[in-house]
């Protein structure tokens, strides 16, 4: 086990161990593991220390309006970023955990610049060809992970708002695909759409 004494005091964006060499660090997070429909979205972000972004935090702790503002600022100021997803079909064939890790790997591989280290929110790591570290609650602790969580969350929320126009009976714009009472009632009334994850129990129950 790593001793706390092995850590040096550095800026959160440089949350690296004392024996790490300086390098580009990418933060990675996802959105959409829990919902009953739609893709799981992942983002990877390498921030620019010369252009700091104020107010970065876990996307779930920010208002929708603030997330939208930071979404634009991150895209404008980051050294590079990448957003990727795993489809409903991949979620149903692989399971949600493996599909999430797949989306994360795609996001990292989509970065214009290759990071020397990747910091991932949570306790599981995708298969990568660079050094990676999982950080529990990293979206609230590491700015680059916070930025990734915002890009992923806003991207998926926008997807929900878009498909709500095609499938208004399900109310995606409101519940964002989560298993709310409203969503479950719509599933019972209308059955499952092609957007729903058939491997999830509430969806499977109405198929």
N, C-alpha and C. Protein backbone atom coordinates (compact mmCIF):
# COMPACT_ATOMS: atom_id res chain seq x y z
N UNK A 1 0.85 -1.20 0.00
CA UNK A 1 0.00 0.00 0.00
C UNK A 1 0.88 1.24 0.00
N UNK A 2 0.50 2.24 -0.78
CA UNK A 2 1.28 3.46 -0.85
C UNK A 2 1.11 4.26 0.44
N UNK A 3 2.20 4.67 0.99
CA UNK A 3 2.16 5.49 2.19
C UNK A 3 1.81 6.92 1.85
N UNK A 4 0.96 7.60 2.69
CA UNK A 4 0.68 9.01 2.44
C UNK A 4 1.93 9.85 2.35
N UNK A 5 3.00 9.42 3.01
CA UNK A 5 4.24 10.19 2.99
C UNK A 5 4.90 10.18 1.62
N UNK A 6 4.47 9.21 0.76
CA UNK A 6 5.08 9.15 -0.57
C UNK A 6 4.51 10.19 -1.51
N UNK A 7 3.45 10.86 -1.07
CA UNK A 7 2.84 11.89 -1.91
C UNK A 7 3.46 13.24 -1.62
N UNK A 8 3.68 14.01 -2.65
CA UNK A 8 4.17 15.35 -2.43
C UNK A 8 3.05 16.36 -2.63
N UNK A 9 3.15 17.49 -2.01
CA UNK A 9 2.12 18.51 -2.12
C UNK A 9 2.26 19.23 -3.44
N UNK A 10 1.26 19.05 -4.30
CA UNK A 10 1.26 19.67 -5.62
C UNK A 10 -0.14 20.16 -5.92
N UNK A 11 -0.28 20.89 -7.01
CA UNK A 11 -1.60 21.32 -7.43
C UNK A 11 -2.44 20.09 -7.77
N UNK A 12 -3.79 20.15 -7.57
CA UNK A 12 -4.64 19.00 -7.86
C UNK A 12 -4.46 18.46 -9.27
N UNK A 13 -4.29 19.37 -10.26
CA UNK A 13 -4.13 18.91 -11.63
C UNK A 13 -2.85 18.11 -11.79
N UNK A 14 -1.88 18.27 -10.87
CA UNK A 14 -0.62 17.54 -10.94
C UNK A 14 -0.58 16.44 -9.89
N UNK A 15 -1.75 15.85 -9.60
CA UNK A 15 -1.83 14.86 -8.53
C UNK A 15 -1.07 13.61 -8.94
N UNK A 16 0.23 13.67 -8.81
CA UNK A 16 1.10 12.58 -9.22
C UNK A 16 1.98 12.18 -8.05
N UNK A 17 2.51 11.00 -8.13
CA UNK A 17 3.39 10.51 -7.08
C UNK A 17 4.78 11.11 -7.23
N UNK A 18 5.51 11.09 -6.13
CA UNK A 18 6.81 11.74 -6.09
C UNK A 18 7.77 11.19 -7.14
N UNK A 19 7.58 9.90 -7.50
CA UNK A 19 8.52 9.32 -8.47
C UNK A 19 8.03 9.44 -9.92
N UNK A 20 6.89 10.11 -10.13
CA UNK A 20 6.41 10.33 -11.48
C UNK A 20 7.22 11.45 -12.15
N UNK A 21 7.53 11.25 -13.41
CA UNK A 21 8.16 12.31 -14.18
C UNK A 21 7.08 13.29 -14.67
N UNK A 22 7.45 14.57 -14.81
CA UNK A 22 6.47 15.53 -15.34
C UNK A 22 5.98 15.08 -16.72
N UNK A 23 4.69 15.20 -16.94
CA UNK A 23 4.12 14.78 -18.21
C UNK A 23 2.72 15.36 -18.35
N UNK A 24 2.16 15.22 -19.53
CA UNK A 24 0.77 15.61 -19.74
C UNK A 24 -0.14 14.61 -19.01
N UNK A 25 -1.11 15.15 -18.27
CA UNK A 25 -2.02 14.31 -17.50
C UNK A 25 -3.43 14.49 -18.03
N UNK A 26 -4.08 13.39 -18.33
CA UNK A 26 -5.46 13.42 -18.80
C UNK A 26 -6.39 12.95 -17.70
N UNK A 27 -7.47 13.67 -17.49
CA UNK A 27 -8.52 13.22 -16.58
C UNK A 27 -9.64 12.57 -17.39
N UNK A 28 -10.21 11.51 -16.83
CA UNK A 28 -11.25 10.75 -17.54
C UNK A 28 -12.44 10.50 -16.62
N UNK A 29 -13.63 10.68 -17.15
CA UNK A 29 -14.85 10.35 -16.41
C UNK A 29 -15.95 9.99 -17.40
N UNK A 30 -17.05 9.47 -16.87
CA UNK A 30 -18.16 9.03 -17.71
C UNK A 30 -19.47 9.60 -17.20
N UNK A 31 -20.49 9.49 -18.04
CA UNK A 31 -21.86 9.84 -17.67
C UNK A 31 -22.78 8.83 -18.32
N UNK A 32 -23.78 8.40 -17.56
CA UNK A 32 -24.79 7.52 -18.15
C UNK A 32 -24.68 6.06 -17.83
N UNK A 33 -24.05 5.69 -16.72
CA UNK A 33 -24.01 4.27 -16.35
C UNK A 33 -25.36 3.80 -15.84
N UNK A 34 -26.05 4.66 -15.09
CA UNK A 34 -27.27 4.23 -14.42
C UNK A 34 -28.56 4.27 -15.23
N UNK A 35 -28.69 5.14 -16.23
CA UNK A 35 -29.94 5.25 -16.96
C UNK A 35 -30.37 3.95 -17.66
N UNK A 36 -31.64 3.90 -18.01
CA UNK A 36 -32.22 2.72 -18.65
C UNK A 36 -32.13 2.79 -20.16
N UNK A 37 -31.65 3.91 -20.69
CA UNK A 37 -31.63 4.09 -22.14
C UNK A 37 -30.42 4.91 -22.56
N UNK A 38 -30.06 4.75 -23.82
CA UNK A 38 -29.02 5.58 -24.41
C UNK A 38 -27.61 5.08 -24.17
N UNK A 39 -26.66 5.71 -24.84
CA UNK A 39 -25.25 5.31 -24.71
C UNK A 39 -24.67 5.75 -23.38
N UNK A 40 -23.55 5.14 -23.01
CA UNK A 40 -22.73 5.65 -21.92
C UNK A 40 -21.65 6.50 -22.57
N UNK A 41 -21.44 7.70 -22.04
CA UNK A 41 -20.54 8.67 -22.64
C UNK A 41 -19.32 8.87 -21.74
N UNK A 42 -18.14 8.92 -22.32
CA UNK A 42 -16.92 9.18 -21.57
C UNK A 42 -16.17 10.34 -22.19
N UNK A 43 -15.43 11.05 -21.37
CA UNK A 43 -14.61 12.15 -21.88
C UNK A 43 -13.23 12.08 -21.27
N UNK A 44 -12.25 12.57 -22.01
CA UNK A 44 -10.87 12.69 -21.53
C UNK A 44 -10.42 14.13 -21.80
N UNK A 45 -9.77 14.73 -20.81
CA UNK A 45 -9.38 16.14 -20.92
C UNK A 45 -7.95 16.33 -20.42
N UNK A 46 -7.15 17.05 -21.19
CA UNK A 46 -5.84 17.52 -20.73
C UNK A 46 -5.94 19.03 -20.60
N UNK A 47 -5.89 19.52 -19.37
CA UNK A 47 -6.02 20.96 -19.13
C UNK A 47 -4.71 21.69 -19.41
N UNK A 48 -4.82 22.97 -19.65
CA UNK A 48 -3.68 23.84 -19.88
C UNK A 48 -3.44 24.65 -18.61
N UNK A 49 -2.32 24.43 -17.94
CA UNK A 49 -2.02 25.14 -16.69
C UNK A 49 -1.90 26.64 -16.91
N UNK A 50 -1.61 27.06 -18.12
CA UNK A 50 -1.49 28.49 -18.41
C UNK A 50 -2.84 29.15 -18.59
N UNK A 51 -3.89 28.35 -18.72
CA UNK A 51 -5.25 28.88 -18.89
C UNK A 51 -6.18 28.16 -17.92
N UNK A 52 -6.05 28.44 -16.62
CA UNK A 52 -6.89 27.76 -15.62
C UNK A 52 -8.37 28.07 -15.79
N UNK A 53 -9.19 27.15 -15.33
CA UNK A 53 -10.64 27.29 -15.41
C UNK A 53 -11.20 27.28 -14.00
N UNK A 54 -11.83 28.37 -13.61
CA UNK A 54 -12.38 28.48 -12.25
C UNK A 54 -13.71 27.74 -12.16
N UNK A 55 -13.94 27.13 -11.00
CA UNK A 55 -15.24 26.53 -10.72
C UNK A 55 -15.41 25.09 -11.15
N UNK A 56 -14.34 24.43 -11.55
CA UNK A 56 -14.47 23.02 -11.94
C UNK A 56 -14.84 22.18 -10.72
N UNK A 57 -15.78 21.26 -10.93
CA UNK A 57 -16.24 20.42 -9.83
C UNK A 57 -16.94 19.21 -10.43
N UNK A 58 -17.28 18.26 -9.59
CA UNK A 58 -18.09 17.13 -10.01
C UNK A 58 -19.33 17.68 -10.72
N UNK A 59 -19.61 17.20 -11.92
CA UNK A 59 -20.71 17.75 -12.71
C UNK A 59 -22.05 17.64 -12.00
N UNK A 60 -22.20 16.62 -11.15
CA UNK A 60 -23.46 16.43 -10.44
C UNK A 60 -23.69 17.51 -9.39
N UNK A 61 -22.63 18.22 -9.00
CA UNK A 61 -22.75 19.26 -7.99
C UNK A 61 -22.96 20.65 -8.60
N UNK A 62 -23.05 20.71 -9.91
CA UNK A 62 -23.21 21.98 -10.62
C UNK A 62 -24.62 22.07 -11.20
N UNK A 63 -25.12 23.27 -11.36
CA UNK A 63 -26.40 23.45 -12.03
C UNK A 63 -26.23 23.20 -13.52
N UNK A 64 -27.34 22.91 -14.18
CA UNK A 64 -27.29 22.66 -15.62
C UNK A 64 -26.73 23.88 -16.36
N UNK A 65 -27.12 25.06 -15.92
CA UNK A 65 -26.62 26.27 -16.58
C UNK A 65 -25.11 26.42 -16.40
N UNK A 66 -24.62 26.14 -15.19
CA UNK A 66 -23.19 26.26 -14.94
C UNK A 66 -22.42 25.20 -15.72
N UNK A 67 -22.97 24.01 -15.83
CA UNK A 67 -22.31 22.97 -16.63
C UNK A 67 -22.17 23.41 -18.08
N UNK A 68 -23.22 24.02 -18.61
CA UNK A 68 -23.18 24.48 -20.00
C UNK A 68 -22.10 25.55 -20.18
N UNK A 69 -21.98 26.46 -19.21
CA UNK A 69 -20.96 27.50 -19.30
C UNK A 69 -19.56 26.90 -19.27
N UNK A 70 -19.35 25.96 -18.33
CA UNK A 70 -18.04 25.34 -18.21
C UNK A 70 -17.74 24.44 -19.41
N UNK A 71 -18.76 23.83 -19.97
CA UNK A 71 -18.58 23.00 -21.16
C UNK A 71 -17.89 23.80 -22.26
N UNK A 72 -18.39 25.00 -22.52
CA UNK A 72 -17.80 25.84 -23.56
C UNK A 72 -16.40 26.30 -23.17
N UNK A 73 -16.19 26.62 -21.89
CA UNK A 73 -14.89 27.11 -21.45
C UNK A 73 -13.83 26.01 -21.51
N UNK A 74 -14.21 24.81 -21.13
CA UNK A 74 -13.28 23.68 -21.19
C UNK A 74 -12.85 23.43 -22.64
N UNK A 75 -13.81 23.42 -23.54
CA UNK A 75 -13.50 23.18 -24.95
C UNK A 75 -12.61 24.28 -25.52
N UNK A 76 -12.74 25.50 -24.99
CA UNK A 76 -11.95 26.61 -25.50
C UNK A 76 -10.54 26.65 -24.91
N UNK A 77 -10.39 26.24 -23.66
CA UNK A 77 -9.13 26.44 -22.95
C UNK A 77 -8.28 25.18 -22.77
N UNK A 78 -8.86 24.01 -22.84
CA UNK A 78 -8.08 22.78 -22.63
C UNK A 78 -7.04 22.60 -23.73
N UNK A 79 -5.93 21.97 -23.39
CA UNK A 79 -4.95 21.63 -24.41
C UNK A 79 -5.58 20.72 -25.45
N UNK A 80 -6.33 19.75 -24.99
CA UNK A 80 -7.09 18.89 -25.89
C UNK A 80 -8.14 18.13 -25.08
N UNK A 81 -9.14 17.63 -25.78
CA UNK A 81 -10.20 16.85 -25.14
C UNK A 81 -10.75 15.88 -26.17
N UNK A 82 -11.43 14.87 -25.67
CA UNK A 82 -12.05 13.87 -26.53
C UNK A 82 -13.29 13.33 -25.83
N UNK A 83 -14.36 13.17 -26.57
CA UNK A 83 -15.59 12.60 -26.05
C UNK A 83 -15.94 11.37 -26.89
N UNK A 84 -16.26 10.27 -26.23
CA UNK A 84 -16.57 9.02 -26.93
C UNK A 84 -17.73 8.33 -26.21
N UNK A 85 -18.23 7.28 -26.80
CA UNK A 85 -19.36 6.58 -26.19
C UNK A 85 -19.31 5.10 -26.50
N UNK A 86 -20.11 4.35 -25.76
CA UNK A 86 -20.41 2.96 -26.09
C UNK A 86 -21.92 2.89 -26.28
N UNK A 87 -22.34 2.24 -27.33
CA UNK A 87 -23.74 2.24 -27.74
C UNK A 87 -24.61 1.35 -26.85
N UNK A 88 -25.91 1.48 -27.04
CA UNK A 88 -26.86 0.62 -26.33
C UNK A 88 -26.58 -0.85 -26.66
N UNK A 89 -26.29 -1.13 -27.93
CA UNK A 89 -26.00 -2.51 -28.35
C UNK A 89 -24.76 -3.04 -27.64
N UNK A 90 -23.74 -2.20 -27.49
CA UNK A 90 -22.52 -2.63 -26.79
C UNK A 90 -22.79 -2.81 -25.30
N UNK A 91 -23.61 -1.95 -24.73
CA UNK A 91 -23.96 -2.11 -23.31
C UNK A 91 -24.66 -3.44 -23.09
N UNK A 92 -25.62 -3.77 -23.97
CA UNK A 92 -26.38 -5.00 -23.81
C UNK A 92 -25.54 -6.25 -24.07
N UNK A 93 -24.54 -6.15 -24.94
CA UNK A 93 -23.73 -7.34 -25.26
C UNK A 93 -22.56 -7.52 -24.29
N UNK A 94 -22.01 -6.41 -23.80
CA UNK A 94 -20.81 -6.50 -22.95
C UNK A 94 -21.14 -6.46 -21.46
N UNK A 95 -22.11 -5.73 -21.06
CA UNK A 95 -22.56 -5.30 -19.73
C UNK A 95 -22.11 -3.85 -19.52
N UNK A 96 -22.77 -3.17 -18.61
CA UNK A 96 -22.56 -1.72 -18.49
C UNK A 96 -21.14 -1.37 -18.02
N UNK A 97 -20.55 -2.18 -17.15
CA UNK A 97 -19.20 -1.88 -16.69
C UNK A 97 -18.20 -1.95 -17.84
N UNK A 98 -18.24 -3.04 -18.59
CA UNK A 98 -17.28 -3.19 -19.69
C UNK A 98 -17.53 -2.16 -20.79
N UNK A 99 -18.78 -1.82 -21.02
CA UNK A 99 -19.07 -0.79 -22.02
C UNK A 99 -18.55 0.57 -21.56
N UNK A 100 -18.64 0.84 -20.26
CA UNK A 100 -18.11 2.10 -19.72
C UNK A 100 -16.60 2.17 -19.90
N UNK A 101 -15.92 1.08 -19.59
CA UNK A 101 -14.47 1.05 -19.75
C UNK A 101 -14.08 1.19 -21.23
N UNK A 102 -14.89 0.62 -22.11
CA UNK A 102 -14.65 0.75 -23.55
C UNK A 102 -14.77 2.20 -23.99
N UNK A 103 -15.82 2.89 -23.51
CA UNK A 103 -16.00 4.31 -23.85
C UNK A 103 -14.84 5.14 -23.33
N UNK A 104 -14.36 4.83 -22.12
CA UNK A 104 -13.21 5.55 -21.57
C UNK A 104 -11.97 5.35 -22.42
N UNK A 105 -11.74 4.11 -22.83
CA UNK A 105 -10.56 3.84 -23.67
C UNK A 105 -10.66 4.60 -24.98
N UNK A 106 -11.83 4.62 -25.57
CA UNK A 106 -12.02 5.36 -26.82
C UNK A 106 -11.76 6.85 -26.63
N UNK A 107 -12.19 7.38 -25.48
CA UNK A 107 -11.97 8.80 -25.22
C UNK A 107 -10.48 9.12 -25.13
N UNK A 108 -9.74 8.29 -24.40
CA UNK A 108 -8.30 8.51 -24.26
C UNK A 108 -7.61 8.38 -25.62
N UNK A 109 -7.98 7.36 -26.37
CA UNK A 109 -7.35 7.15 -27.68
C UNK A 109 -7.70 8.25 -28.67
N UNK A 110 -8.77 8.98 -28.39
CA UNK A 110 -9.17 10.06 -29.29
C UNK A 110 -8.49 11.38 -29.01
N UNK A 111 -7.69 11.47 -27.96
CA UNK A 111 -7.00 12.72 -27.65
C UNK A 111 -5.98 13.06 -28.73
N UNK A 112 -5.92 14.33 -29.08
CA UNK A 112 -4.96 14.80 -30.10
C UNK A 112 -3.53 14.67 -29.59
N UNK A 113 -3.33 14.90 -28.29
CA UNK A 113 -2.02 14.76 -27.66
C UNK A 113 -2.02 13.50 -26.81
N UNK A 114 -0.92 12.78 -26.80
CA UNK A 114 -0.85 11.55 -26.01
C UNK A 114 -0.42 11.88 -24.58
N UNK A 115 -1.24 11.54 -23.60
CA UNK A 115 -0.86 11.83 -22.21
C UNK A 115 0.21 10.86 -21.71
N UNK A 116 0.97 11.33 -20.72
CA UNK A 116 1.94 10.45 -20.09
C UNK A 116 1.31 9.68 -18.95
N UNK A 117 0.18 10.19 -18.45
CA UNK A 117 -0.54 9.51 -17.38
C UNK A 117 -2.01 9.84 -17.49
N UNK A 118 -2.84 8.89 -17.11
CA UNK A 118 -4.29 9.08 -17.14
C UNK A 118 -4.84 8.86 -15.74
N UNK A 119 -5.66 9.81 -15.28
CA UNK A 119 -6.33 9.72 -13.98
C UNK A 119 -7.81 9.48 -14.25
N UNK A 120 -8.34 8.38 -13.72
CA UNK A 120 -9.71 7.96 -14.01
C UNK A 120 -10.56 8.02 -12.75
N UNK A 121 -11.74 8.60 -12.87
CA UNK A 121 -12.65 8.63 -11.73
C UNK A 121 -13.14 7.22 -11.41
N UNK A 122 -13.19 6.88 -10.12
CA UNK A 122 -13.71 5.58 -9.71
C UNK A 122 -12.64 4.63 -9.23
N UNK A 123 -12.95 3.34 -9.31
CA UNK A 123 -12.01 2.33 -8.82
C UNK A 123 -11.68 1.26 -9.86
N UNK A 124 -12.05 1.50 -11.11
CA UNK A 124 -11.73 0.56 -12.18
C UNK A 124 -11.06 1.30 -13.32
N UNK A 125 -10.15 0.63 -14.00
CA UNK A 125 -9.39 1.25 -15.08
C UNK A 125 -9.66 0.56 -16.41
N UNK A 126 -9.80 1.32 -17.48
CA UNK A 126 -9.84 0.71 -18.81
C UNK A 126 -8.46 0.21 -19.21
N UNK A 127 -8.42 -0.62 -20.22
CA UNK A 127 -7.14 -1.10 -20.74
C UNK A 127 -6.55 0.02 -21.59
N UNK A 128 -5.37 0.51 -21.18
CA UNK A 128 -4.72 1.61 -21.87
C UNK A 128 -3.25 1.28 -22.10
N UNK A 129 -2.64 2.01 -23.03
CA UNK A 129 -1.22 1.80 -23.29
C UNK A 129 -0.37 2.88 -22.61
N UNK A 130 -0.96 3.55 -21.61
CA UNK A 130 -0.22 4.53 -20.81
C UNK A 130 -0.47 4.25 -19.33
N UNK A 131 0.37 4.81 -18.48
CA UNK A 131 0.19 4.65 -17.04
C UNK A 131 -1.15 5.27 -16.63
N UNK A 132 -1.89 4.59 -15.79
CA UNK A 132 -3.20 5.09 -15.36
C UNK A 132 -3.40 4.82 -13.87
N UNK A 133 -4.19 5.67 -13.25
CA UNK A 133 -4.51 5.52 -11.83
C UNK A 133 -5.99 5.83 -11.62
N UNK A 134 -6.66 4.98 -10.87
CA UNK A 134 -8.06 5.20 -10.53
C UNK A 134 -8.14 6.01 -9.24
N UNK A 135 -8.99 7.01 -9.21
CA UNK A 135 -9.14 7.88 -8.04
C UNK A 135 -10.61 7.94 -7.65
N UNK A 136 -10.94 7.37 -6.51
CA UNK A 136 -12.32 7.41 -6.03
C UNK A 136 -12.70 8.86 -5.72
N UNK A 137 -13.85 9.27 -6.19
CA UNK A 137 -14.33 10.65 -6.08
C UNK A 137 -13.38 11.64 -6.76
N UNK A 138 -12.69 11.16 -7.78
CA UNK A 138 -11.76 12.02 -8.50
C UNK A 138 -12.43 13.19 -9.18
N UNK A 139 -13.73 13.05 -9.52
CA UNK A 139 -14.42 14.15 -10.19
C UNK A 139 -14.59 15.36 -9.29
N UNK A 140 -14.44 15.17 -7.97
CA UNK A 140 -14.50 16.30 -7.04
C UNK A 140 -13.12 16.73 -6.56
N UNK A 141 -12.09 15.94 -6.90
CA UNK A 141 -10.75 16.18 -6.35
C UNK A 141 -9.73 16.64 -7.39
N UNK A 142 -9.88 16.21 -8.62
CA UNK A 142 -8.88 16.47 -9.66
C UNK A 142 -9.53 17.30 -10.77
N UNK A 143 -9.04 18.51 -11.02
CA UNK A 143 -9.69 19.38 -12.00
C UNK A 143 -9.87 18.76 -13.39
N UNK A 144 -8.89 18.02 -13.87
CA UNK A 144 -9.04 17.44 -15.21
C UNK A 144 -10.14 16.39 -15.25
N UNK A 145 -10.31 15.66 -14.15
CA UNK A 145 -11.42 14.70 -14.08
C UNK A 145 -12.75 15.43 -13.98
N UNK A 146 -12.78 16.52 -13.19
CA UNK A 146 -13.98 17.34 -13.12
C UNK A 146 -14.38 17.83 -14.51
N UNK A 147 -13.39 18.31 -15.26
CA UNK A 147 -13.65 18.79 -16.61
C UNK A 147 -14.21 17.68 -17.49
N UNK A 148 -13.64 16.48 -17.37
CA UNK A 148 -14.13 15.34 -18.15
C UNK A 148 -15.57 15.00 -17.77
N UNK A 149 -15.87 15.07 -16.47
CA UNK A 149 -17.23 14.75 -16.03
C UNK A 149 -18.23 15.73 -16.60
N UNK A 150 -17.84 17.00 -16.72
CA UNK A 150 -18.73 18.02 -17.28
C UNK A 150 -18.96 17.78 -18.77
N UNK A 151 -17.90 17.51 -19.53
CA UNK A 151 -18.06 17.25 -20.95
C UNK A 151 -18.95 16.03 -21.19
N UNK A 152 -18.74 14.98 -20.41
CA UNK A 152 -19.53 13.76 -20.59
C UNK A 152 -20.99 14.00 -20.22
N UNK A 153 -21.23 14.67 -19.10
CA UNK A 153 -22.59 14.90 -18.63
C UNK A 153 -23.37 15.79 -19.59
N UNK A 154 -22.78 16.89 -20.03
CA UNK A 154 -23.49 17.79 -20.94
C UNK A 154 -23.75 17.10 -22.28
N UNK A 155 -22.79 16.34 -22.78
CA UNK A 155 -22.97 15.63 -24.04
C UNK A 155 -24.14 14.67 -23.94
N UNK A 156 -24.22 13.90 -22.85
CA UNK A 156 -25.31 12.93 -22.72
C UNK A 156 -26.65 13.62 -22.49
N UNK A 157 -26.65 14.69 -21.70
CA UNK A 157 -27.90 15.43 -21.48
C UNK A 157 -28.44 16.00 -22.78
N UNK A 158 -27.54 16.49 -23.62
CA UNK A 158 -27.97 17.01 -24.92
C UNK A 158 -28.55 15.90 -25.79
N UNK A 159 -27.97 14.71 -25.70
CA UNK A 159 -28.52 13.57 -26.43
C UNK A 159 -29.95 13.29 -25.96
N UNK A 160 -30.18 13.33 -24.65
CA UNK A 160 -31.51 13.08 -24.10
C UNK A 160 -32.52 14.10 -24.59
N UNK A 161 -32.10 15.36 -24.65
CA UNK A 161 -32.99 16.41 -25.12
C UNK A 161 -33.31 16.24 -26.61
N UNK A 162 -32.34 15.75 -27.36
CA UNK A 162 -32.55 15.54 -28.79
C UNK A 162 -33.52 14.40 -29.04
N UNK A 163 -33.32 13.25 -28.36
CA UNK A 163 -34.20 12.10 -28.62
C UNK A 163 -35.58 12.31 -28.01
N UNK A 164 -35.71 13.24 -27.07
CA UNK A 164 -37.02 13.53 -26.51
C UNK A 164 -37.98 14.02 -27.59
N UNK A 165 -37.43 14.68 -28.60
CA UNK A 165 -38.28 15.17 -29.69
C UNK A 165 -38.79 14.00 -30.56
N UNK A 166 -38.01 12.94 -30.65
CA UNK A 166 -38.42 11.78 -31.44
C UNK A 166 -39.30 10.82 -30.63
N UNK A 167 -39.08 10.78 -29.32
CA UNK A 167 -39.82 9.88 -28.44
C UNK A 167 -40.39 10.66 -27.25
N UNK A 168 -41.29 11.61 -27.51
CA UNK A 168 -41.78 12.47 -26.42
C UNK A 168 -42.54 11.71 -25.35
N UNK A 169 -43.07 10.55 -25.67
CA UNK A 169 -43.88 9.80 -24.70
C UNK A 169 -43.07 9.29 -23.51
N UNK A 170 -41.75 9.27 -23.63
CA UNK A 170 -40.92 8.75 -22.54
C UNK A 170 -40.39 9.84 -21.60
N UNK A 171 -40.37 11.09 -22.04
CA UNK A 171 -39.93 12.17 -21.17
C UNK A 171 -38.43 12.24 -20.93
N UNK A 172 -37.63 11.88 -21.94
CA UNK A 172 -36.18 11.84 -21.75
C UNK A 172 -35.58 13.18 -21.34
N UNK A 173 -36.15 14.28 -21.82
CA UNK A 173 -35.59 15.59 -21.49
C UNK A 173 -35.66 15.88 -20.00
N UNK A 174 -36.62 15.27 -19.32
CA UNK A 174 -36.78 15.50 -17.89
C UNK A 174 -35.94 14.58 -17.03
N UNK A 175 -36.10 13.28 -17.21
CA UNK A 175 -35.42 12.32 -16.32
C UNK A 175 -34.07 11.86 -16.84
N UNK A 176 -33.72 12.25 -18.06
CA UNK A 176 -32.42 11.93 -18.67
C UNK A 176 -32.15 10.43 -18.76
N UNK A 177 -33.24 9.64 -18.81
CA UNK A 177 -33.08 8.20 -18.98
C UNK A 177 -33.06 7.41 -17.70
N UNK A 178 -32.98 8.07 -16.56
CA UNK A 178 -32.95 7.34 -15.28
C UNK A 178 -34.31 6.71 -14.98
N UNK A 179 -34.30 5.72 -14.11
CA UNK A 179 -35.50 4.96 -13.81
C UNK A 179 -36.42 5.64 -12.82
N UNK A 180 -36.86 6.83 -13.15
CA UNK A 180 -37.80 7.55 -12.30
C UNK A 180 -39.19 6.91 -12.40
N UNK A 181 -40.09 7.31 -11.50
CA UNK A 181 -41.46 6.80 -11.54
C UNK A 181 -42.11 7.15 -12.87
N UNK A 182 -41.85 8.35 -13.36
CA UNK A 182 -42.41 8.78 -14.64
C UNK A 182 -41.91 7.90 -15.78
N UNK A 183 -40.62 7.61 -15.77
CA UNK A 183 -40.03 6.80 -16.84
C UNK A 183 -40.56 5.37 -16.78
N UNK A 184 -40.65 4.80 -15.60
CA UNK A 184 -41.14 3.43 -15.46
C UNK A 184 -42.60 3.34 -15.89
N UNK A 185 -43.39 4.36 -15.58
CA UNK A 185 -44.79 4.38 -16.01
C UNK A 185 -44.88 4.44 -17.53
N UNK A 186 -43.99 5.23 -18.16
CA UNK A 186 -43.99 5.32 -19.61
C UNK A 186 -43.59 3.99 -20.24
N UNK A 187 -42.66 3.30 -19.63
CA UNK A 187 -42.26 1.99 -20.14
C UNK A 187 -43.43 1.01 -20.08
N UNK A 188 -44.17 1.03 -18.99
CA UNK A 188 -45.32 0.12 -18.87
C UNK A 188 -46.41 0.48 -19.88
N UNK A 189 -46.56 1.77 -20.14
CA UNK A 189 -47.62 2.22 -21.04
C UNK A 189 -47.27 2.02 -22.51
N UNK A 190 -46.02 2.23 -22.87
CA UNK A 190 -45.63 2.26 -24.28
C UNK A 190 -44.67 1.14 -24.68
N UNK A 191 -44.18 0.37 -23.70
CA UNK A 191 -43.17 -0.62 -24.00
C UNK A 191 -41.81 0.04 -24.19
N UNK A 192 -40.82 -0.75 -24.55
CA UNK A 192 -39.46 -0.23 -24.71
C UNK A 192 -39.24 0.29 -26.12
N UNK A 193 -38.44 1.34 -26.23
CA UNK A 193 -38.05 1.89 -27.53
C UNK A 193 -36.72 1.26 -27.96
N UNK A 194 -36.28 1.50 -29.19
CA UNK A 194 -34.96 1.01 -29.62
C UNK A 194 -33.82 1.65 -28.83
N UNK A 195 -34.09 2.72 -28.10
CA UNK A 195 -33.06 3.40 -27.32
C UNK A 195 -32.84 2.76 -25.96
N UNK A 196 -33.75 1.91 -25.53
CA UNK A 196 -33.66 1.35 -24.19
C UNK A 196 -32.69 0.17 -24.11
N UNK A 197 -32.10 0.01 -22.94
CA UNK A 197 -31.12 -1.05 -22.70
C UNK A 197 -31.85 -2.32 -22.26
N UNK A 198 -31.96 -3.28 -23.15
CA UNK A 198 -32.74 -4.48 -22.87
C UNK A 198 -32.13 -5.34 -21.77
N UNK A 199 -30.86 -5.13 -21.47
CA UNK A 199 -30.21 -5.92 -20.42
C UNK A 199 -30.52 -5.38 -19.02
N UNK A 200 -31.15 -4.22 -18.93
CA UNK A 200 -31.50 -3.65 -17.63
C UNK A 200 -32.87 -4.18 -17.21
N UNK A 201 -32.99 -4.60 -15.97
CA UNK A 201 -34.19 -5.30 -15.49
C UNK A 201 -35.51 -4.57 -15.76
N UNK A 202 -35.64 -3.27 -15.48
CA UNK A 202 -36.93 -2.61 -15.72
C UNK A 202 -37.32 -2.62 -17.20
N UNK A 203 -36.35 -2.60 -18.10
CA UNK A 203 -36.64 -2.66 -19.53
C UNK A 203 -36.98 -4.09 -19.92
N UNK A 204 -36.19 -5.02 -19.44
CA UNK A 204 -36.43 -6.43 -19.76
C UNK A 204 -37.83 -6.86 -19.32
N UNK A 205 -38.32 -6.28 -18.25
CA UNK A 205 -39.63 -6.66 -17.71
C UNK A 205 -40.77 -6.30 -18.65
N UNK A 206 -40.58 -5.32 -19.53
CA UNK A 206 -41.68 -4.91 -20.41
C UNK A 206 -41.49 -5.42 -21.83
N UNK A 207 -40.40 -6.11 -22.10
CA UNK A 207 -40.16 -6.62 -23.45
C UNK A 207 -41.02 -7.86 -23.70
